[in-house]
């Protein structure tokens, strides 16, 4: 599906506020991506605080509802900040996720979201 780079950058910036770079549990440096309705929910926690940011998804590119992936917050946020484009496309398989913006592409391993 596709969404605005600015929306993704804002969501991952919010998630970075509650996640740590080197947590005692590796899952705590990730955020959960979950589609509900016409919004992508980006959820992050440090077990004391949880933050959820919603990104609108155009109905023309809306994927099936459900949990998609748990991505490393800081790595993705740093990459998003360097991109020149406006629209991102996201795809996930069972083990890898790809985010594409113009000619830039990030393919990253992720934790399962189930």
Protein backbone atom coordinates (compact mmCIF):
# COMPACT_ATOMS: atom_id res chain seq x y z
CA UNK A 1 0.00 0.00 0.00
CA UNK A 2 1.02 3.64 -0.30
CA UNK A 3 1.04 6.50 2.17
CA UNK A 4 2.60 9.92 2.68
CA UNK A 5 6.30 10.05 3.68
CA UNK A 6 5.53 12.94 6.05
CA UNK A 7 2.91 10.80 7.83
CA UNK A 8 5.34 7.88 8.14
CA UNK A 9 8.10 10.16 9.41
CA UNK A 10 5.77 11.68 12.03
CA UNK A 11 4.56 8.25 13.18
CA UNK A 12 8.07 6.84 13.51
CA UNK A 13 9.24 10.05 15.22
CA UNK A 14 6.48 9.59 17.80
CA UNK A 15 7.37 5.92 18.23
CA UNK A 16 11.04 6.82 18.77
CA UNK A 17 10.03 8.88 21.80
CA UNK A 18 9.05 5.78 23.77
CA UNK A 19 11.41 3.14 22.38
CA UNK A 20 15.03 2.65 23.39
CA UNK A 21 17.95 1.90 21.06
CA UNK A 22 19.30 -0.95 23.20
CA UNK A 23 16.42 -2.33 25.29
CA UNK A 24 16.72 -5.43 27.44
CA UNK A 25 14.08 -7.10 25.21
CA UNK A 26 14.73 -6.66 21.45
CA UNK A 27 11.02 -6.43 20.65
CA UNK A 28 10.89 -3.15 22.61
CA UNK A 29 12.96 -1.37 19.94
CA UNK A 30 10.23 -2.05 17.36
CA UNK A 31 6.80 -0.72 16.52
CA UNK A 32 3.80 -2.74 15.45
CA UNK A 33 2.20 -1.88 12.11
CA UNK A 34 -1.48 -2.81 11.99
CA UNK A 35 -4.17 -1.89 9.46
CA UNK A 36 -7.61 -1.07 10.89
CA UNK A 37 -10.19 0.38 8.55
CA UNK A 38 -8.53 2.97 6.32
CA UNK A 39 -5.70 3.69 8.75
CA UNK A 40 -2.31 2.21 9.50
CA UNK A 41 -1.73 2.13 13.26
CA UNK A 42 1.91 2.50 14.32
CA UNK A 43 2.17 1.32 17.95
CA UNK A 44 5.28 1.47 20.16
CA UNK A 45 5.83 0.80 23.85
CA UNK A 46 8.55 0.70 26.50
CA UNK A 47 6.23 -1.22 28.89
CA UNK A 48 5.55 1.97 30.87
CA UNK A 49 4.19 4.10 28.02
CA UNK A 50 2.49 3.21 24.76
CA UNK A 51 2.01 5.54 21.83
CA UNK A 52 -0.21 4.95 18.80
CA UNK A 53 -0.10 7.10 15.67
CA UNK A 54 -2.54 6.58 12.80
CA UNK A 55 -1.64 7.12 9.15
CA UNK A 56 -4.43 7.45 6.58
CA UNK A 57 -4.26 4.91 3.76
CA UNK A 58 -5.86 5.77 0.43
CA UNK A 59 -8.72 3.35 -0.19
CA UNK A 60 -7.26 2.53 -3.61
CA UNK A 61 -4.14 1.03 -2.01
CA UNK A 62 -5.63 -0.35 1.22
CA UNK A 63 -4.28 -3.81 2.18
CA UNK A 64 -6.21 -6.45 4.10
CA UNK A 65 -6.81 -5.57 7.73
CA UNK A 66 -4.59 -7.01 10.42
CA UNK A 67 -1.12 -6.94 11.90
CA UNK A 68 1.62 -6.55 9.30
CA UNK A 69 5.05 -6.39 10.95
CA UNK A 70 7.14 -5.18 13.89
CA UNK A 71 9.83 -2.87 12.48
CA UNK A 72 12.90 -1.41 14.23
CA UNK A 73 11.85 2.16 15.01
CA UNK A 74 15.15 4.06 15.00
CA UNK A 75 16.56 2.40 11.88
CA UNK A 76 13.42 3.09 9.85
CA UNK A 77 13.07 6.65 11.23
CA UNK A 78 16.66 7.50 10.26
CA UNK A 79 16.12 6.15 6.75
CA UNK A 80 12.80 8.01 6.33
CA UNK A 81 14.48 11.30 7.29
CA UNK A 82 16.91 11.02 4.35
CA UNK A 83 14.30 10.49 1.64
CA UNK A 84 13.52 13.19 -0.92
CA UNK A 85 10.18 11.79 -2.18
CA UNK A 86 6.64 12.22 -0.93
CA UNK A 87 4.87 8.87 -1.42
CA UNK A 88 6.01 5.61 0.16
CA UNK A 89 4.92 2.13 -0.70
CA UNK A 90 5.10 -0.69 1.85
CA UNK A 91 5.14 -4.46 1.35
CA UNK A 92 5.70 -7.19 3.93
CA UNK A 93 6.29 -10.92 3.75
CA UNK A 94 6.57 -13.31 6.68
CA UNK A 95 10.22 -12.38 7.30
CA UNK A 96 11.02 -9.14 5.46
CA UNK A 97 9.48 -5.74 4.87
CA UNK A 98 10.19 -3.33 2.01
CA UNK A 99 9.59 0.40 2.00
CA UNK A 100 10.09 2.19 -1.32
CA UNK A 101 10.19 5.93 -1.99
CA UNK A 102 11.15 6.99 -5.49
CA UNK A 103 14.38 5.17 -6.31
CA UNK A 104 15.23 4.48 -2.64
CA UNK A 105 14.31 1.15 -1.11
CA UNK A 106 14.77 -0.27 2.39
CA UNK A 107 14.41 -4.02 2.84
CA UNK A 108 14.61 -5.10 6.44
CA UNK A 109 14.03 -8.20 8.56
CA UNK A 110 11.26 -7.85 11.12
CA UNK A 111 9.65 -9.63 14.02
CA UNK A 112 6.40 -11.41 13.16
CA UNK A 113 3.36 -9.34 14.11
CA UNK A 114 1.13 -12.18 15.27
